Amino acid sequence: MSRAEQIAADALHRAETGQINANDVLILEAAARKGIPDAIPRENVLSYQAWRGKGRQVRKGQKALCSVRTFIKIRDKKTGQTKTVPRMVAVFHITQTDRIAAQRCAG
């Protein structure tokens, strides 16, 4: 892989994993409007599914801080190839979530 290809691959990876700060200003402005001064994107401001992955549930009735653009990988049904596409996702602050109670096994 050439140096230019490596730089392009690294940039795409940062975009896919949220390491690009393009959405940070939107998130910080939206949080300030809602009176949330400690909003830190990718740390305590995440999407609904990301909070689920961290063992937290967005409380019913909570409104998103804002919607931001992200990139996800999907498999093309016709070709079977994976491609990256942009998506808009709603983000929530940790104060809008609760821990998911550990499920107990019936025994």
PDB file of N, CA and C in Angstrom:
ATOM      1  N   MET A   1       0.852  -1.180   0.000  1.00  0.00           N
ATOM      2  CA  MET A   1       0.000   0.000   0.000  1.00  0.00           C
ATOM      3  C   MET A   1       0.898   1.244   0.000  1.00  0.00           C
ATOM      4  N   SER A   2       0.590   2.168  -0.884  1.00  0.00           N
ATOM      5  CA  SER A   2       1.386   3.392  -0.968  1.00  0.00           C
ATOM      6  C   SER A   2       1.087   4.307   0.219  1.00  0.00           C
ATOM      7  N   ARG A   3       1.946   5.279   0.408  1.00  0.00           N
ATOM      8  CA  ARG A   3       1.760   6.257   1.503  1.00  0.00           C
ATOM      9  C   ARG A   3       0.431   6.995   1.355  1.00  0.00           C
ATOM     10  N   ALA A   4       0.079   7.410   0.144  1.00  0.00           N
ATOM     11  CA  ALA A   4      -1.181   8.121  -0.098  1.00  0.00           C
ATOM     12  C   ALA A   4      -2.378   7.229   0.215  1.00  0.00           C
ATOM     13  N   GLU A   5      -2.300   5.946  -0.156  1.00  0.00           N
ATOM     14  CA  GLU A   5      -3.387   5.009   0.147  1.00  0.00           C
ATOM     15  C   GLU A   5      -3.514   4.801   1.643  1.00  0.00           C
ATOM     16  N   GLN A   6      -2.374   4.729   2.344  1.00  0.00           N
ATOM     17  CA  GLN A   6      -2.396   4.552   3.798  1.00  0.00           C
ATOM     18  C   GLN A   6      -3.020   5.755   4.485  1.00  0.00           C
ATOM     19  N   ILE A   7      -2.676   6.961   4.044  1.00  0.00           N
ATOM     20  CA  ILE A   7      -3.254   8.183   4.622  1.00  0.00           C
ATOM     21  C   ILE A   7      -4.769   8.195   4.400  1.00  0.00           C
ATOM     22  N   ALA A   8      -5.220   7.801   3.196  1.00  0.00           N
ATOM     23  CA  ALA A   8      -6.652   7.753   2.896  1.00  0.00           C
ATOM     24  C   ALA A   8      -7.356   6.706   3.760  1.00  0.00           C
ATOM     25  N   ALA A   9      -6.729   5.525   3.931  1.00  0.00           N
ATOM     26  CA  ALA A   9      -7.322   4.473   4.755  1.00  0.00           C
ATOM     27  C   ALA A   9      -7.427   4.915   6.209  1.00  0.00           C
ATOM     28  N   ASP A  10      -6.398   5.588   6.718  1.00  0.00           N
ATOM     29  CA  ASP A  10      -6.421   6.086   8.099  1.00  0.00           C
ATOM     30  C   ASP A  10      -7.517   7.134   8.288  1.00  0.00           C
ATOM     31  N   ALA A  11      -7.682   8.018   7.310  1.00  0.00           N
ATOM     32  CA  ALA A  11      -8.723   9.052   7.396  1.00  0.00           C
ATOM     33  C   ALA A  11     -10.109   8.417   7.410  1.00  0.00           C
ATOM     34  N   LEU A  12     -10.316   7.400   6.579  1.00  0.00           N
ATOM     35  CA  LEU A  12     -11.599   6.713   6.560  1.00  0.00           C
ATOM     36  C   LEU A  12     -11.857   6.024   7.896  1.00  0.00           C
ATOM     37  N   HIS A  13     -10.834   5.392   8.444  1.00  0.00           N
ATOM     38  CA  HIS A  13     -10.985   4.728   9.749  1.00  0.00           C
ATOM     39  C   HIS A  13     -11.387   5.729  10.830  1.00  0.00           C
ATOM     40  N   ARG A  14     -10.750   6.887  10.834  1.00  0.00           N
ATOM     41  CA  ARG A  14     -11.095   7.916  11.824  1.00  0.00           C
ATOM     42  C   ARG A  14     -12.549   8.350  11.655  1.00  0.00           C
ATOM     43  N   ALA A  15     -12.992   8.495  10.424  1.00  0.00           N
ATOM     44  CA  ALA A  15     -14.384   8.900  10.176  1.00  0.00           C
ATOM     45  C   ALA A  15     -15.351   7.825  10.664  1.00  0.00           C
ATOM     46  N   GLU A  16     -15.020   6.569  10.399  1.00  0.00           N
ATOM     47  CA  GLU A  16     -15.907   5.464  10.784  1.00  0.00           C
ATOM     48  C   GLU A  16     -15.946   5.247  12.288  1.00  0.00           C
ATOM     49  N   THR A  17     -14.861   5.549  12.964  1.00  0.00           N
ATOM     50  CA  THR A  17     -14.813   5.318  14.411  1.00  0.00           C
ATOM     51  C   THR A  17     -15.071   6.575  15.215  1.00  0.00           C
ATOM     52  N   GLY A  18     -15.451   7.655  14.550  1.00  0.00           N
ATOM     53  CA  GLY A  18     -15.793   8.887  15.260  1.00  0.00           C
ATOM     54  C   GLY A  18     -14.615   9.671  15.762  1.00  0.00           C
ATOM     55  N   GLN A  19     -13.448   9.484  15.188  1.00  0.00           N
ATOM     56  CA  GLN A  19     -12.272  10.191  15.659  1.00  0.00           C
ATOM     57  C   GLN A  19     -12.094  11.548  14.986  1.00  0.00           C
ATOM     58  N   ILE A  20     -12.940  11.845  14.007  1.00  0.00           N
ATOM     59  CA  ILE A  20     -12.894  13.159  13.369  1.00  0.00           C
ATOM     60  C   ILE A  20     -13.776  14.095  14.179  1.00  0.00           C
ATOM     61  N   ASN A  21     -13.344  15.304  14.385  1.00  0.00           N
ATOM     62  CA  ASN A  21     -14.060  16.231  15.248  1.00  0.00           C
ATOM     63  C   ASN A  21     -15.140  17.041  14.535  1.00  0.00           C
ATOM     64  N   ALA A  22     -15.539  16.664  13.338  1.00  0.00           N
ATOM     65  CA  ALA A  22     -16.495  17.446  12.560  1.00  0.00           C
ATOM     66  C   ALA A  22     -17.816  17.654  13.285  1.00  0.00           C
ATOM     67  N   ASN A  23     -18.284  16.666  14.040  1.00  0.00           N
ATOM     68  CA  ASN A  23     -19.567  16.770  14.730  1.00  0.00           C
ATOM     69  C   ASN A  23     -19.456  17.407  16.111  1.00  0.00           C
ATOM     70  N   ASP A  24     -18.251  17.566  16.622  1.00  0.00           N
ATOM     71  CA  ASP A  24     -18.073  18.040  17.986  1.00  0.00           C
ATOM     72  C   ASP A  24     -18.704  19.407  18.223  1.00  0.00           C
ATOM     73  N   VAL A  25     -18.543  20.319  17.295  1.00  0.00           N
ATOM     74  CA  VAL A  25     -19.098  21.662  17.469  1.00  0.00           C
ATOM     75  C   VAL A  25     -20.616  21.595  17.546  1.00  0.00           C
ATOM     76  N   LEU A  26     -21.240  20.809  16.674  1.00  0.00           N
ATOM     77  CA  LEU A  26     -22.693  20.645  16.709  1.00  0.00           C
ATOM     78  C   LEU A  26     -23.154  20.101  18.055  1.00  0.00           C
ATOM     79  N   ILE A  27     -22.446  19.098  18.541  1.00  0.00           N
ATOM     80  CA  ILE A  27     -22.808  18.464  19.812  1.00  0.00           C
ATOM     81  C   ILE A  27     -22.640  19.445  20.971  1.00  0.00           C
ATOM     82  N   LEU A  28     -21.520  20.142  21.009  1.00  0.00           N
ATOM     83  CA  LEU A  28     -21.270  21.088  22.104  1.00  0.00           C
ATOM     84  C   LEU A  28     -22.279  22.235  22.098  1.00  0.00           C
ATOM     85  N   GLU A  29     -22.619  22.747  20.912  1.00  0.00           N
ATOM     86  CA  GLU A  29     -23.614  23.823  20.831  1.00  0.00           C
ATOM     87  C   GLU A  29     -24.989  23.334  21.281  1.00  0.00           C
ATOM     88  N   ALA A  30     -25.386  22.145  20.842  1.00  0.00           N
ATOM     89  CA  ALA A  30     -26.683  21.593  21.233  1.00  0.00           C
ATOM     90  C   ALA A  30     -26.735  21.345  22.739  1.00  0.00           C
ATOM     91  N   ALA A  31     -25.656  20.828  23.302  1.00  0.00           N
ATOM     92  CA  ALA A  31     -25.607  20.575  24.745  1.00  0.00           C
ATOM     93  C   ALA A  31     -25.694  21.883  25.522  1.00  0.00           C
ATOM     94  N   ALA A  32     -25.011  22.917  25.061  1.00  0.00           N
ATOM     95  CA  ALA A  32     -25.053  24.219  25.739  1.00  0.00           C
ATOM     96  C   ALA A  32     -26.473  24.781  25.723  1.00  0.00           C
ATOM     97  N   ARG A  33     -27.168  24.638  24.595  1.00  0.00           N
ATOM     98  CA  ARG A  33     -28.560  25.119  24.516  1.00  0.00           C
ATOM     99  C   ARG A  33     -29.461  24.394  25.512  1.00  0.00           C
ATOM    100  N   LYS A  34     -29.137  23.132  25.813  1.00  0.00           N
ATOM    101  CA  LYS A  34     -29.946  22.349  26.747  1.00  0.00           C
ATOM    102  C   LYS A  34     -29.408  22.416  28.173  1.00  0.00           C
ATOM    103  N   GLY A  35     -28.379  23.241  28.393  1.00  0.00           N
ATOM    104  CA  GLY A  35     -27.845  23.420  29.744  1.00  0.00           C
ATOM    105  C   GLY A  35     -26.958  22.290  30.223  1.00  0.00           C
ATOM    106  N   ILE A  36     -26.315  21.591  29.317  1.00  0.00           N
ATOM    107  CA  ILE A  36     -25.408  20.497  29.670  1.00  0.00           C
ATOM    108  C   ILE A  36     -23.985  20.970  29.382  1.00  0.00           C
ATOM    109  N   PRO A  37     -23.264  21.461  30.403  1.00  0.00           N
ATOM    110  CA  PRO A  37     -21.946  22.059  30.164  1.00  0.00           C
ATOM    111  C   PRO A  37     -20.813  21.064  29.967  1.00  0.00           C
ATOM    112  N   ASP A  38     -20.974  19.817  30.403  1.00  0.00           N
ATOM    113  CA  ASP A  38     -19.852  18.866  30.385  1.00  0.00           C
ATOM    114  C   ASP A  38     -19.955  17.828  29.280  1.00  0.00           C
ATOM    115  N   ALA A  39     -20.601  18.176  28.168  1.00  0.00           N
ATOM    116  CA  ALA A  39     -20.748  17.223  27.071  1.00  0.00           C
ATOM    117  C   ALA A  39     -19.400  16.984  26.397  1.00  0.00           C
ATOM    118  N   ILE A  40     -19.002  15.706  26.333  1.00  0.00           N
ATOM    119  CA  ILE A  40     -17.741  15.337  25.690  1.00  0.00           C
ATOM    120  C   ILE A  40     -18.061  14.273  24.638  1.00  0.00           C
ATOM    121  N   PRO A  41     -18.058  14.654  23.357  1.00  0.00           N
ATOM    122  CA  PRO A  41     -18.384  13.687  22.301  1.00  0.00           C
ATOM    123  C   PRO A  41     -17.517  12.438  22.380  1.00  0.00           C
ATOM    124  N   ARG A  42     -18.133  11.288  22.093  1.00  0.00           N
ATOM    125  CA  ARG A  42     -17.513   9.962  22.100  1.00  0.00           C
ATOM    126  C   ARG A  42     -17.091   9.509  23.494  1.00  0.00           C
ATOM    127  N   GLU A  43     -17.387  10.306  24.506  1.00  0.00           N
ATOM    128  CA  GLU A  43     -17.096   9.886  25.880  1.00  0.00           C
ATOM    129  C   GLU A  43     -18.391   9.834  26.686  1.00  0.00           C
ATOM    130  N   ASN A  44     -19.100  10.969  26.783  1.00  0.00           N
ATOM    131  CA  ASN A  44     -20.374  10.956  27.504  1.00  0.00           C
ATOM    132  C   ASN A  44     -21.536  11.452  26.642  1.00  0.00           C
ATOM    133  N   VAL A  45     -21.300  11.561  25.341  1.00  0.00           N
ATOM    134  CA  VAL A  45     -22.361  11.834  24.370  1.00  0.00           C
ATOM    135  C   VAL A  45     -22.218  10.793  23.264  1.00  0.00           C
ATOM    136  N   LEU A  46     -23.192   9.876  23.199  1.00  0.00           N
ATOM    137  CA  LEU A  46     -23.134   8.763  22.257  1.00  0.00           C
ATOM    138  C   LEU A  46     -24.504   8.524  21.635  1.00  0.00           C
ATOM    139  N   SER A  47     -24.548   7.691  20.620  1.00  0.00           N
ATOM    140  CA  SER A  47     -25.814   7.327  19.990  1.00  0.00           C
ATOM    141  C   SER A  47     -26.569   6.340  20.883  1.00  0.00           C
ATOM    142  N   TYR A  48     -27.828   6.153  20.553  1.00  0.00           N
ATOM    143  CA  TYR A  48     -28.675   5.208  21.304  1.00  0.00           C
ATOM    144  C   TYR A  48     -28.011   3.825  21.361  1.00  0.00           C
ATOM    145  N   GLN A  49     -27.621   3.309  20.199  1.00  0.00           N
ATOM    146  CA  GLN A  49     -27.034   1.970  20.156  1.00  0.00           C
ATOM    147  C   GLN A  49     -25.686   1.900  20.878  1.00  0.00           C
ATOM    148  N   ALA A  50     -24.914   2.969  20.815  1.00  0.00           N
ATOM    149  CA  ALA A  50     -23.636   2.981  21.539  1.00  0.00           C
ATOM    150  C   ALA A  50     -23.871   2.900  23.042  1.00  0.00           C
ATOM    151  N   TRP A  51     -24.886   3.613  23.533  1.00  0.00           N
ATOM    152  CA  TRP A  51     -25.204   3.518  24.963  1.00  0.00           C
ATOM    153  C   TRP A  51     -25.630   2.098  25.319  1.00  0.00           C
ATOM    154  N   ARG A  52     -26.392   1.467  24.428  1.00  0.00           N
ATOM    155  CA  ARG A  52     -26.785   0.078  24.689  1.00  0.00           C
ATOM    156  C   ARG A  52     -25.540  -0.810  24.782  1.00  0.00           C
ATOM    157  N   GLY A  53     -24.600  -0.577  23.923  1.00  0.00           N
ATOM    158  CA  GLY A  53     -23.357  -1.345  23.953  1.00  0.00           C
ATOM    159  C   GLY A  53     -22.562  -1.136  25.219  1.00  0.00           C
ATOM    160  N   LYS A  54     -22.742   0.023  25.866  1.00  0.00           N
ATOM    161  CA  LYS A  54     -22.048   0.317  27.120  1.00  0.00           C
ATOM    162  C   LYS A  54     -22.872  -0.101  28.336  1.00  0.00           C
ATOM    163  N   GLY A  55     -23.997  -0.801  28.077  1.00  0.00           N
ATOM    164  CA  GLY A  55     -24.816  -1.281  29.188  1.00  0.00           C
ATOM    165  C   GLY A  55     -25.717  -0.202  29.768  1.00  0.00           C
ATOM    166  N   ARG A  56     -26.102   0.775  28.956  1.00  0.00           N
ATOM    167  CA  ARG A  56     -26.974   1.855  29.401  1.00  0.00           C
ATOM    168  C   ARG A  56     -28.163   1.965  28.457  1.00  0.00           C
ATOM    169  N   GLN A  57     -29.267   2.451  28.976  1.00  0.00           N
ATOM    170  CA  GLN A  57     -30.493   2.624  28.212  1.00  0.00           C
ATOM    171  C   GLN A  57     -30.901   4.087  28.250  1.00  0.00           C
ATOM    172  N   VAL A  58     -31.196   4.671  27.092  1.00  0.00           N
ATOM    173  CA  VAL A  58     -31.729   6.030  27.059  1.00  0.00           C
ATOM    174  C   VAL A  58     -33.136   5.972  27.646  1.00  0.00           C
ATOM    175  N   ARG A  59     -33.410   6.861  28.605  1.00  0.00           N
ATOM    176  CA  ARG A  59     -34.710   6.878  29.253  1.00  0.00           C
ATOM    177  C   ARG A  59     -35.820   7.224  28.272  1.00  0.00           C
ATOM    178  N   LYS A  60     -36.955   6.620  28.456  1.00  0.00           N
ATOM    179  CA  LYS A  60     -38.125   6.875  27.621  1.00  0.00           C
ATOM    180  C   LYS A  60     -38.488   8.357  27.678  1.00  0.00           C
ATOM    181  N   GLY A  61     -38.769   8.922  26.511  1.00  0.00           N
ATOM    182  CA  GLY A  61     -39.190  10.310  26.430  1.00  0.00           C
ATOM    183  C   GLY A  61     -38.055  11.307  26.291  1.00  0.00           C
ATOM    184  N   GLN A  62     -36.806  10.857  26.399  1.00  0.00           N
ATOM    185  CA  GLN A  62     -35.668  11.774  26.264  1.00  0.00           C
ATOM    186  C   GLN A  62     -35.529  12.221  24.814  1.00  0.00           C
ATOM    187  N   LYS A  63     -35.238  13.477  24.634  1.00  0.00           N
ATOM    188  CA  LYS A  63     -35.025  14.042  23.305  1.00  0.00           C
ATOM    189  C   LYS A  63     -33.520  14.080  23.034  1.00  0.00           C
ATOM    190  N   ALA A  64     -33.143  13.773  21.824  1.00  0.00           N
ATOM    191  CA  ALA A  64     -31.728  13.783  21.445  1.00  0.00           C
ATOM    192  C   ALA A  64     -31.160  15.188  21.547  1.00  0.00           C
ATOM    193  N   LEU A  65     -29.866  15.274  21.876  1.00  0.00           N
ATOM    194  CA  LEU A  65     -29.198  16.576  21.853  1.00  0.00           C
ATOM    195  C   LEU A  65     -29.226  17.121  20.439  1.00  0.00           C
ATOM    196  N   CYS A  66     -28.875  16.272  19.480  1.00  0.00           N
ATOM    197  CA  CYS A  66     -28.898  16.642  18.064  1.00  0.00           C
ATOM    198  C   CYS A  66     -28.681  15.375  17.251  1.00  0.00           C
ATOM    199  N   SER A  67     -28.784  15.512  15.959  1.00  0.00           N
ATOM    200  CA  SER A  67     -28.451  14.420  15.048  1.00  0.00           C
ATOM    201  C   SER A  67     -27.138  14.755  14.377  1.00  0.00           C
ATOM    202  N   VAL A  68     -26.286  13.763  14.259  1.00  0.00           N
ATOM    203  CA  VAL A  68     -24.973  13.978  13.651  1.00  0.00           C
ATOM    204  C   VAL A  68     -24.743  12.951  12.546  1.00  0.00           C
ATOM    205  N   ARG A  69     -23.855  13.294  11.641  1.00  0.00           N
ATOM    206  CA  ARG A  69     -23.529  12.404  10.535  1.00  0.00           C
ATOM    207  C   ARG A  69     -22.417  11.461  10.962  1.00  0.00           C
ATOM    208  N   THR A  70     -22.603  10.202  10.637  1.00  0.00           N
ATOM    209  CA  THR A  70     -21.586   9.199  10.909  1.00  0.00           C
ATOM    210  C   THR A  70     -21.494   8.284   9.700  1.00  0.00           C
ATOM    211  N   PHE A  71     -20.593   7.351   9.730  1.00  0.00           N
ATOM    212  CA  PHE A  71     -20.433   6.410   8.628  1.00  0.00           C
ATOM    213  C   PHE A  71     -20.524   4.999   9.165  1.00  0.00           C
ATOM    214  N   ILE A  72     -21.261   4.152   8.452  1.00  0.00           N
ATOM    215  CA  ILE A  72     -21.389   2.763   8.859  1.00  0.00           C
ATOM    216  C   ILE A  72     -21.036   1.865   7.680  1.00  0.00           C
ATOM    217  N   LYS A  73     -20.654   0.642   7.987  1.00  0.00           N
ATOM    218  CA  LYS A  73     -20.370  -0.346   6.945  1.00  0.00           C
ATOM    219  C   LYS A  73     -21.606  -1.210   6.753  1.00  0.00           C
ATOM    220  N   ILE A  74     -21.986  -1.398   5.502  1.00  0.00           N
ATOM    221  CA  ILE A  74     -23.107  -2.282   5.194  1.00  0.00           C
ATOM    222  C   ILE A  74     -22.684  -3.241   4.087  1.00  0.00           C
ATOM    223  N   ARG A  75     -23.379  -4.357   4.017  1.00  0.00           N
ATOM    224  CA  ARG A  75     -23.094  -5.340   2.971  1.00  0.00           C
ATOM    225  C   ARG A  75     -24.104  -5.126   1.849  1.00  0.00           C
ATOM    226  N   ASP A  76     -23.596  -4.941   0.640  1.00  0.00           N
ATOM    227  CA  ASP A  76     -24.436  -4.774  -0.543  1.00  0.00           C
ATOM    228  C   ASP A  76     -25.116  -6.107  -0.838  1.00  0.00           C
ATOM    229  N   LYS A  77     -26.453  -6.119  -0.891  1.00  0.00           N
ATOM    230  CA  LYS A  77     -27.190  -7.369  -1.079  1.00  0.00           C
ATOM    231  C   LYS A  77     -26.933  -7.993  -2.448  1.00  0.00           C
ATOM    232  N   LYS A  78     -26.716  -7.171  -3.463  1.00  0.00           N
ATOM    233  CA  LYS A  78     -26.511  -7.692  -4.813  1.00  0.00           C
ATOM    234  C   LYS A  78     -25.121  -8.278  -5.003  1.00  0.00           C
ATOM    235  N   THR A  79     -24.105  -7.571  -4.555  1.00  0.00           N
ATOM    236  CA  THR A  79     -22.721  -7.992  -4.802  1.00  0.00           C
ATOM    237  C   THR A  79     -22.094  -8.728  -3.627  1.00  0.00           C
ATOM    238  N   GLY A  80     -22.656  -8.556  -2.433  1.00  0.00           N
ATOM    239  CA  GLY A  80     -22.079  -9.166  -1.241  1.00  0.00           C
ATOM    240  C   GLY A  80     -20.884  -8.410  -0.692  1.00  0.00           C
ATOM    241  N   GLN A  81     -20.531  -7.304  -1.343  1.00  0.00           N
ATOM    242  CA  GLN A  81     -19.396  -6.513  -0.889  1.00  0.00           C
ATOM    243  C   GLN A  81     -19.812  -5.559   0.223  1.00  0.00           C
ATOM    244  N   THR A  82     -18.844  -5.210   1.058  1.00  0.00           N
ATOM    245  CA  THR A  82     -19.079  -4.262   2.140  1.00  0.00           C
ATOM    246  C   THR A  82     -18.767  -2.863   1.637  1.00  0.00           C
ATOM    247  N   LYS A  83     -19.641  -1.923   1.963  1.00  0.00           N
ATOM    248  CA  LYS A  83     -19.382  -0.532   1.598  1.00  0.00           C
ATOM    249  C   LYS A  83     -19.702   0.365   2.784  1.00  0.00           C
ATOM    250  N   THR A  84     -19.114   1.545   2.782  1.00  0.00           N
ATOM    251  CA  THR A  84     -19.306   2.515   3.845  1.00  0.00           C
ATOM    252  C   THR A  84     -20.269   3.584   3.352  1.00  0.00           C
ATOM    253  N   VAL A  85     -21.303   3.843   4.162  1.00  0.00           N
ATOM    254  CA  VAL A  85     -22.306   4.837   3.770  1.00  0.00           C
ATOM    255  C   VAL A  85     -22.543   5.809   4.919  1.00  0.00           C
ATOM    256  N   PRO A  86     -22.908   7.053   4.614  1.00  0.00           N
ATOM    257  CA  PRO A  86     -23.206   8.019   5.668  1.00  0.00           C
ATOM    258  C   PRO A  86     -24.598   7.775   6.253  1.00  0.00           C
ATOM    259  N   ARG A  87     -24.732   8.021   7.534  1.00  0.00           N
ATOM    260  CA  ARG A  87     -26.020   7.915   8.217  1.00  0.00           C
ATOM    261  C   ARG A  87     -26.122   9.047   9.234  1.00  0.00           C
ATOM    262  N   MET A  88     -27.333   9.486   9.507  1.00  0.00           N
ATOM    263  CA  MET A  88     -27.583  10.453  10.568  1.00  0.00           C
ATOM    264  C   MET A  88     -28.024   9.667  11.805  1.00  0.00           C
ATOM    265  N   VAL A  89     -27.423   9.964  12.947  1.00  0.00           N
ATOM    266  CA  VAL A  89     -27.803   9.300  14.199  1.00  0.00           C
ATOM    267  C   VAL A  89     -28.055  10.354  15.268  1.00  0.00           C
ATOM    268  N   ALA A  90     -28.998  10.058  16.138  1.00  0.00           N
ATOM    269  CA  ALA A  90     -29.293  10.933  17.267  1.00  0.00           C
ATOM    270  C   ALA A  90     -28.314  10.609  18.387  1.00  0.00           C
ATOM    271  N   VAL A  91     -27.843  11.641  19.078  1.00  0.00           N
ATOM    272  CA  VAL A  91     -26.916  11.432  20.194  1.00  0.00           C
ATOM    273  C   VAL A  91     -27.531  11.936  21.492  1.00  0.00           C
ATOM    274  N   PHE A  92     -27.172  11.255  22.585  1.00  0.00           N
ATOM    275  CA  PHE A  92     -27.713  11.533  23.912  1.00  0.00           C
ATOM    276  C   PHE A  92     -26.569  11.672  24.907  1.00  0.00           C
ATOM    277  N   HIS A  93     -26.785  12.497  25.929  1.00  0.00           N
ATOM    278  CA  HIS A  93     -25.809  12.677  27.006  1.00  0.00           C
ATOM    279  C   HIS A  93     -26.028  11.593  28.054  1.00  0.00           C
ATOM    280  N   ILE A  94     -24.994  11.258  28.785  1.00  0.00           N
ATOM    281  CA  ILE A  94     -25.080  10.192  29.791  1.00  0.00           C
ATOM    282  C   ILE A  94     -26.153  10.479  30.845  1.00  0.00           C
ATOM    283  N   THR A  95     -26.433  11.759  31.116  1.00  0.00           N
ATOM    284  CA  THR A  95     -27.463  12.089  32.109  1.00  0.00           C
ATOM    285  C   THR A  95     -28.859  11.722  31.619  1.00  0.00           C
ATOM    286  N   GLN A  96     -28.993  11.380  30.348  1.00  0.00           N
ATOM    287  CA  GLN A  96     -30.277  10.969  29.779  1.00  0.00           C
ATOM    288  C   GLN A  96     -30.416   9.451  29.767  1.00  0.00           C
ATOM    289  N   THR A  97     -29.480   8.754  30.408  1.00  0.00           N
ATOM    290  CA  THR A  97     -29.476   7.290  30.385  1.00  0.00           C
ATOM    291  C   THR A  97     -29.486   6.713  31.793  1.00  0.00           C
ATOM    292  N   ASP A  98     -29.818   5.446  31.867  1.00  0.00           N
ATOM    293  CA  ASP A  98     -29.754   4.676  33.112  1.00  0.00           C
ATOM    294  C   ASP A  98     -29.006   3.381  32.814  1.00  0.00           C
ATOM    295  N   ARG A  99     -28.389   2.828  33.855  1.00  0.00           N
ATOM    296  CA  ARG A  99     -27.740   1.523  33.690  1.00  0.00           C
ATOM    297  C   ARG A  99     -28.814   0.474  33.413  1.00  0.00           C
ATOM    298  N   ILE A 100     -28.474  -0.476  32.559  1.00  0.00           N
ATOM    299  CA  ILE A 100     -29.372  -1.592  32.302  1.00  0.00           C
ATOM    300  C   ILE A 100     -29.144  -2.615  33.407  1.00  0.00           C
ATOM    301  N   ALA A 101     -30.219  -2.986  34.088  1.00  0.00           N
ATOM    302  CA  ALA A 101     -30.102  -3.951  35.182  1.00  0.00           C
ATOM    303  C   ALA A 101     -29.622  -5.286  34.632  1.00  0.00           C
ATOM    304  N   ALA A 102     -28.739  -5.928  35.381  1.00  0.00           N
ATOM    305  CA  ALA A 102     -28.230  -7.238  34.966  1.00  0.00           C
ATOM    306  C   ALA A 102     -29.384  -8.229  34.956  1.00  0.00           C
ATOM    307  N   GLN A 103     -29.485  -8.982  33.878  1.00  0.00           N
ATOM    308  CA  GLN A 103     -30.559  -9.963  33.786  1.00  0.00           C
ATOM    309  C   GLN A 103     -30.179 -11.178  34.615  1.00  0.00           C
ATOM    310  N   ARG A 104     -31.148 -11.669  35.333  1.00  0.00           N
ATOM    311  CA  ARG A 104     -30.890 -12.825  36.206  1.00  0.00           C
ATOM    312  C   ARG A 104     -31.344 -14.093  35.520  1.00  0.00           C
ATOM    313  N   CYS A 105     -30.582 -15.135  35.708  1.00  0.00           N
ATOM    314  CA  CYS A 105     -30.933 -16.429  35.144  1.00  0.00           C
ATOM    315  C   CYS A 105     -31.950 -17.109  36.049  1.00  0.00           C
ATOM    316  N   ALA A 106     -32.973 -17.667  35.439  1.00  0.00           N
ATOM    317  CA  ALA A 106     -33.948 -18.435  36.210  1.00  0.00           C
ATOM    318  C   ALA A 106     -33.320 -19.791  36.544  1.00  0.00           C
ATOM    319  N   GLY A 107     -33.375 -20.161  37.769  1.00  0.00           N
ATOM    320  CA  GLY A 107     -32.675 -21.381  38.100  1.00  0.00           C
ATOM    321  C   GLY A 107     -33.400 -22.174  39.018  1.00  0.00           C
TER     322      GLY A 107
END
